[in-house]
């Protein structure tokens, strides 16, 4: 119990200064309601005790004492007592993912019906559905890398722009995977909440690994090759990046594996406490404040 209360603090401690005027008003009112203090100025102190009939001091359960307790509880509640953390309701459910999609002539090969590029779009739609609410950015690359869409939770926009991509609109042919990963790293760093990179590609030639260094963000590669084709070149690139390679399957097994790896990276990022805030416990005092307020509905209470 003591260990659990070790991080106890107030979110808005300056509100505790309101206790000073509350205590001053309580003392002033208490003195004015003291019968002995009222009559000591005009009656001899030796005779005063014999002339006072009934209670000479305010009762413990009096309006002024109840009001002071109500003030005390209200000020503490407004100051925001807290000792536990919880996920922020305004934080993203999952950190962002930068999707790096290869848009080159090789992606029009029809060994993955209808084409490798179309299959990539289908897999992307399934992955976005599995990670609903996660911010997703889209990067297209061939001989050069280009940011198509910054991180957005709107999966429909991501898919619409992915469908509009084709090798014909790319300014240069080639395989600039290193440039695409560098761009993806900058996009993830710009979110401020971390994230991961998903590379969707079919091949990675020798020129793709030129100057290639491991990205800072966790990287997963989805091989857009038929199951019977060995993804040897991609395995070497993935090993150089420290990335995980997932082979495309005819069912949803590859989608589930990619989503699991991306979610596992999300959990690692959340360990540092990102997107978490202190849970205020002041609302627990509300019932006590309400019970004290009920006393003022009692007949004759204010006149005591």
Protein backbone atom coordinates (compact mmCIF):
# COMPACT_ATOMS: atom_id res chain seq x y z
CA UNK A 1 0.00 0.00 0.00
CA UNK A 2 2.80 2.41 0.92
CA UNK A 3 4.70 1.55 -2.26
CA UNK A 4 1.59 2.19 -4.36
CA UNK A 5 1.20 5.68 -2.82
CA UNK A 6 4.89 6.56 -3.27
CA UNK A 7 4.24 8.59 -6.48
CA UNK A 8 1.32 10.46 -4.83
CA UNK A 9 1.17 14.10 -5.90
CA UNK A 10 -1.26 16.84 -6.93
CA UNK A 11 -1.67 17.69 -10.62
CA UNK A 12 -2.61 21.30 -9.77
CA UNK A 13 -0.93 21.97 -6.40
CA UNK A 14 -1.47 25.75 -6.54
CA UNK A 15 -5.14 25.13 -5.76
CA UNK A 16 -4.04 24.07 -2.26
CA UNK A 17 -3.33 27.75 -1.55
CA UNK A 18 -7.10 28.20 -1.43
CA UNK A 19 -6.96 26.44 1.95
CA UNK A 20 -5.51 29.62 3.49
CA UNK A 21 -8.53 31.92 2.92
CA UNK A 22 -10.87 29.02 3.70
CA UNK A 23 -9.17 28.47 7.07
CA UNK A 24 -9.18 32.23 7.79
CA UNK A 25 -12.92 32.52 7.10
CA UNK A 26 -13.59 29.47 9.27
CA UNK A 27 -11.64 30.94 12.21
CA UNK A 28 -13.42 34.30 11.88
CA UNK A 29 -16.85 32.68 11.82
CA UNK A 30 -16.00 30.33 14.67
CA UNK A 31 -14.92 33.20 16.87
CA UNK A 32 -18.06 35.20 16.07
CA UNK A 33 -20.25 32.23 17.05
CA UNK A 34 -18.50 31.68 20.40
CA UNK A 35 -20.96 32.92 23.12
CA UNK A 36 -18.26 33.37 25.75
CA UNK A 37 -16.18 35.60 23.49
CA UNK A 38 -19.25 37.70 22.68
CA UNK A 39 -20.15 38.53 26.29
CA UNK A 40 -16.64 38.78 27.80
CA UNK A 41 -16.47 42.41 26.65
CA UNK A 42 -19.49 43.51 28.67
CA UNK A 43 -19.81 41.03 31.59
CA UNK A 44 -17.37 40.35 34.38
CA UNK A 45 -15.45 37.14 33.63
CA UNK A 46 -16.18 35.82 37.14
CA UNK A 47 -19.95 36.14 36.62
CA UNK A 48 -20.09 35.14 32.95
CA UNK A 49 -20.06 31.33 33.44
CA UNK A 50 -23.06 31.58 35.79
CA UNK A 51 -25.10 33.73 33.40
CA UNK A 52 -24.69 31.63 30.24
CA UNK A 53 -27.40 29.00 29.78
CA UNK A 54 -26.91 26.01 27.48
CA UNK A 55 -23.92 25.32 25.24
CA UNK A 56 -21.25 27.98 25.43
CA UNK A 57 -19.27 26.87 22.37
CA UNK A 58 -20.31 25.83 18.83
CA UNK A 59 -21.13 22.16 18.41
CA UNK A 60 -18.72 19.94 16.52
CA UNK A 61 -21.37 19.17 13.90
CA UNK A 62 -22.29 22.74 13.04
CA UNK A 63 -22.86 24.51 9.71
CA UNK A 64 -19.52 26.32 9.85
CA UNK A 65 -17.59 23.09 10.60
CA UNK A 66 -19.45 21.19 7.88
CA UNK A 67 -18.75 24.04 5.46
CA UNK A 68 -15.05 23.93 6.32
CA UNK A 69 -14.90 20.17 5.67
CA UNK A 70 -16.72 20.71 2.36
CA UNK A 71 -14.23 23.40 1.37
CA UNK A 72 -11.33 21.14 2.31
CA UNK A 73 -12.59 18.20 0.27
CA UNK A 74 -13.44 20.40 -2.73
CA UNK A 75 -10.04 22.06 -2.79
CA UNK A 76 -8.28 18.70 -2.58
CA UNK A 77 -10.44 17.32 -5.39
CA UNK A 78 -9.78 20.33 -7.65
CA UNK A 79 -6.02 20.13 -6.92
CA UNK A 80 -6.05 16.72 -8.65
CA UNK A 81 -4.61 14.02 -6.34
CA UNK A 82 -2.97 11.29 -8.43
CA UNK A 83 -0.68 8.32 -7.93
CA UNK A 84 -1.44 5.98 -10.88
CA UNK A 85 -0.84 6.24 -14.62
CA UNK A 86 -3.26 5.27 -17.39
CA UNK A 87 -3.29 5.45 -21.20
CA UNK A 88 -4.29 8.85 -22.47
CA UNK A 89 -7.65 8.86 -24.28
CA UNK A 90 -6.17 11.36 -26.75
CA UNK A 91 -3.14 9.23 -27.59
CA UNK A 92 -3.11 7.13 -30.73
CA UNK A 93 -4.23 3.54 -30.15
CA UNK A 94 -1.15 2.37 -32.04
CA UNK A 95 1.98 4.24 -33.11
CA UNK A 96 2.34 5.14 -36.75
CA UNK A 97 3.61 2.86 -39.50
CA UNK A 98 5.35 4.03 -42.67
CA UNK A 99 4.44 1.77 -45.59
CA UNK A 100 7.22 1.66 -48.19
CA UNK A 101 5.77 0.33 -51.45
CA UNK A 102 7.88 -0.54 -54.46
CA UNK A 103 6.32 0.81 -57.68
CA UNK A 104 8.55 -0.54 -60.45
CA UNK A 105 7.93 -2.49 -63.70
CA UNK A 106 8.77 -5.76 -61.94
CA UNK A 107 5.70 -5.21 -59.74
CA UNK A 108 3.48 -5.67 -62.81
CA UNK A 109 4.50 -9.32 -63.11
CA UNK A 110 1.42 -11.55 -63.08
CA UNK A 111 2.81 -14.51 -61.16
CA UNK A 112 0.83 -13.19 -58.17
CA UNK A 113 -2.60 -12.70 -59.75
CA UNK A 114 -3.59 -10.22 -60.90
CA UNK A 115 -0.17 -8.57 -60.49
CA UNK A 116 2.36 -8.22 -57.70
CA UNK A 117 1.36 -4.56 -57.29
CA UNK A 118 -2.34 -5.41 -57.06
CA UNK A 119 -1.59 -8.15 -54.54
CA UNK A 120 0.40 -5.59 -52.52
CA UNK A 121 -2.65 -3.30 -52.46
CA UNK A 122 -4.86 -6.19 -51.31
CA UNK A 123 -2.44 -7.10 -48.52
CA UNK A 124 -2.17 -3.45 -47.52
CA UNK A 125 -5.96 -3.22 -47.22
CA UNK A 126 -6.00 -6.30 -44.97
CA UNK A 127 -3.16 -4.98 -42.81
CA UNK A 128 -4.87 -1.61 -42.36
CA UNK A 129 -8.09 -3.37 -41.38
CA UNK A 130 -6.19 -5.45 -38.81
CA UNK A 131 -4.61 -2.30 -37.33
CA UNK A 132 -7.64 -0.03 -37.46
CA UNK A 133 -7.00 3.44 -36.06
CA UNK A 134 -3.22 3.35 -36.51
CA UNK A 135 -1.73 6.33 -38.35
CA UNK A 136 -0.28 5.20 -41.67
CA UNK A 137 1.94 7.02 -44.15
CA UNK A 138 2.64 5.89 -47.71
CA UNK A 139 5.99 6.09 -49.48
CA UNK A 140 6.46 4.98 -53.10
CA UNK A 141 9.84 4.20 -54.55
CA UNK A 142 11.51 2.97 -57.71
CA UNK A 143 14.67 4.76 -58.85
CA UNK A 144 13.78 7.49 -56.30
CA UNK A 145 11.68 7.65 -53.15
CA UNK A 146 8.66 9.93 -52.69
CA UNK A 147 6.30 10.67 -49.79
CA UNK A 148 2.80 10.05 -51.13
CA UNK A 149 0.92 10.64 -47.88
CA UNK A 150 2.00 11.72 -44.36
CA UNK A 151 0.72 9.73 -41.38
CA UNK A 152 -3.10 9.62 -41.23
CA UNK A 153 -5.58 7.31 -39.48
CA UNK A 154 -7.84 7.43 -42.56
CA UNK A 155 -7.15 4.05 -44.17
CA UNK A 156 -9.50 4.80 -47.08
CA UNK A 157 -7.27 7.68 -48.23
CA UNK A 158 -4.19 5.49 -47.96
CA UNK A 159 -5.79 2.80 -50.13
CA UNK A 160 -7.10 5.30 -52.69
CA UNK A 161 -3.63 6.76 -53.19
CA UNK A 162 -2.05 3.30 -53.29
CA UNK A 163 -4.45 2.34 -56.11
CA UNK A 164 -3.39 5.42 -58.07
CA UNK A 165 0.28 4.41 -58.04
CA UNK A 166 1.82 2.82 -61.14
CA UNK A 167 5.35 2.51 -62.59
CA UNK A 168 4.40 4.95 -65.36
CA UNK A 169 4.13 7.90 -62.95
CA UNK A 170 7.44 7.24 -61.23
CA UNK A 171 10.07 9.75 -62.44
CA UNK A 172 12.94 7.28 -62.52
CA UNK A 173 13.36 3.53 -62.85
CA UNK A 174 15.56 1.67 -60.42
CA UNK A 175 15.57 0.34 -56.88
CA UNK A 176 16.30 3.10 -54.38
CA UNK A 177 15.34 1.14 -51.28
CA UNK A 178 17.95 2.91 -49.16
CA UNK A 179 16.45 6.32 -50.01
CA UNK A 180 12.94 5.05 -49.25
CA UNK A 181 14.01 3.74 -45.84
CA UNK A 182 15.77 7.01 -45.00
CA UNK A 183 12.60 8.91 -45.91
CA UNK A 184 10.49 6.52 -43.83
CA UNK A 185 12.78 7.08 -40.85
CA UNK A 186 12.26 10.84 -41.11
CA UNK A 187 8.51 10.40 -41.34
CA UNK A 188 8.41 8.20 -38.23
CA UNK A 189 10.66 10.59 -36.32
CA UNK A 190 8.33 13.45 -37.22
CA UNK A 191 5.35 11.82 -35.50
CA UNK A 192 6.99 12.24 -32.09
CA UNK A 193 5.43 8.97 -30.85
CA UNK A 194 7.66 6.45 -32.61
CA UNK A 195 6.46 3.74 -34.94
CA UNK A 196 7.66 1.16 -37.42
CA UNK A 197 8.34 0.65 -41.13
CA UNK A 198 6.68 -1.88 -43.44
CA UNK A 199 8.47 -2.53 -46.73
CA UNK A 200 6.37 -4.16 -49.46
CA UNK A 201 8.62 -5.24 -52.30
CA UNK A 202 9.34 -8.12 -54.67
CA UNK A 203 13.08 -7.86 -55.23
CA UNK A 204 16.08 -5.94 -54.02
CA UNK A 205 18.96 -5.71 -56.47
CA UNK A 206 22.60 -4.91 -55.71
CA UNK A 207 22.00 -1.20 -56.29
CA UNK A 208 19.27 -1.23 -53.62
CA UNK A 209 21.75 -2.01 -50.85
CA UNK A 210 24.25 0.69 -51.83
CA UNK A 211 24.85 2.86 -48.79
CA UNK A 212 22.11 0.98 -47.00
CA UNK A 213 22.16 1.23 -43.21
CA UNK A 214 19.73 -0.09 -40.66
CA UNK A 215 16.82 2.33 -40.05
CA UNK A 216 16.19 3.52 -36.52
CA UNK A 217 12.56 2.38 -36.59
CA UNK A 218 11.70 -1.32 -36.37
CA UNK A 219 11.32 -2.70 -39.91
CA UNK A 220 9.25 -5.54 -41.35
CA UNK A 221 9.56 -6.65 -44.98
CA UNK A 222 6.70 -8.36 -46.85
CA UNK A 223 7.95 -10.39 -49.82
CA UNK A 224 5.71 -9.95 -52.87
CA UNK A 225 6.85 -13.14 -54.55
CA UNK A 226 5.06 -16.44 -55.19
CA UNK A 227 5.51 -19.03 -52.46
CA UNK A 228 7.58 -21.28 -54.74
CA UNK A 229 10.10 -18.50 -55.52
CA UNK A 230 13.02 -18.23 -53.13
CA UNK A 231 13.35 -14.68 -51.70
CA UNK A 232 17.10 -14.98 -51.29
CA UNK A 233 17.97 -11.39 -52.13
CA UNK A 234 15.30 -10.06 -49.77
CA UNK A 235 16.56 -12.27 -46.97
CA UNK A 236 20.05 -10.79 -47.32
CA UNK A 237 18.66 -7.24 -47.29
CA UNK A 238 16.44 -7.99 -44.30
CA UNK A 239 19.40 -9.46 -42.44
CA UNK A 240 21.49 -6.37 -43.22
CA UNK A 241 18.70 -4.16 -41.86
CA UNK A 242 17.97 -6.28 -38.83
CA UNK A 243 14.43 -6.53 -40.21
CA UNK A 244 11.89 -9.37 -40.15
CA UNK A 245 10.99 -10.95 -43.51
CA UNK A 246 7.43 -12.25 -44.01
CA UNK A 247 6.67 -14.31 -47.11
CA UNK A 248 3.36 -13.72 -48.91
CA UNK A 249 0.77 -16.48 -48.47
CA UNK A 250 -2.49 -17.23 -50.24
CA UNK A 251 -4.43 -16.87 -46.98
CA UNK A 252 -4.31 -14.29 -44.17
CA UNK A 253 -1.36 -15.86 -42.37
CA UNK A 254 1.09 -13.26 -43.71
CA UNK A 255 -1.24 -10.41 -42.77
CA UNK A 256 -1.60 -11.74 -39.23
CA UNK A 257 2.18 -12.12 -38.93
CA UNK A 258 2.85 -8.59 -40.17
CA UNK A 259 0.21 -7.12 -37.83
CA UNK A 260 1.65 -9.10 -34.91
CA UNK A 261 5.16 -7.80 -35.56
CA UNK A 262 3.97 -4.22 -35.97
CA UNK A 263 1.90 -4.47 -32.77
CA UNK A 264 4.85 -5.96 -30.90
CA UNK A 265 6.92 -2.93 -31.90
CA UNK A 266 4.06 -0.72 -30.67
CA UNK A 267 4.11 -2.38 -27.25
CA UNK A 268 7.86 -1.89 -26.96
CA UNK A 269 7.42 1.81 -27.69
CA UNK A 270 4.66 2.15 -25.09
CA UNK A 271 6.84 0.75 -22.29
CA UNK A 272 8.57 4.11 -22.00
CA UNK A 273 5.24 5.63 -20.94
CA UNK A 274 4.46 7.49 -24.15
CA UNK A 275 0.84 8.41 -24.48
CA UNK A 276 0.16 7.89 -20.76
CA UNK A 277 -0.93 10.38 -18.14
CA UNK A 278 -1.69 10.49 -14.44
CA UNK A 279 -5.13 9.25 -13.39
CA UNK A 280 -6.73 11.82 -11.11
CA UNK A 281 -8.57 10.44 -8.07
CA UNK A 282 -10.27 13.64 -6.93
CA UNK A 283 -13.63 12.53 -8.27
CA UNK A 284 -13.81 9.92 -5.48
CA UNK A 285 -14.42 12.82 -3.06
CA UNK A 286 -17.54 13.94 -4.95
CA UNK A 287 -19.97 11.67 -2.99
CA UNK A 288 -18.67 13.02 0.33
CA UNK A 289 -19.08 16.61 -0.88
CA UNK A 290 -22.61 15.83 -2.04
CA UNK A 291 -23.53 14.30 1.35
CA UNK A 292 -22.32 17.42 3.14
CA UNK A 293 -24.35 19.59 0.77
CA UNK A 294 -27.49 17.67 1.76
CA UNK A 295 -27.19 19.07 5.30
CA UNK A 296 -28.20 22.51 3.99
CA UNK A 297 -31.58 21.07 2.97
CA UNK A 298 -32.29 20.19 6.60
CA UNK A 299 -34.82 22.53 8.26
CA UNK A 300 -33.22 24.86 10.77
CA UNK A 301 -29.67 23.83 9.88
CA UNK A 302 -28.45 27.29 8.88
CA UNK A 303 -29.87 28.84 12.08
CA UNK A 304 -27.91 26.56 14.38
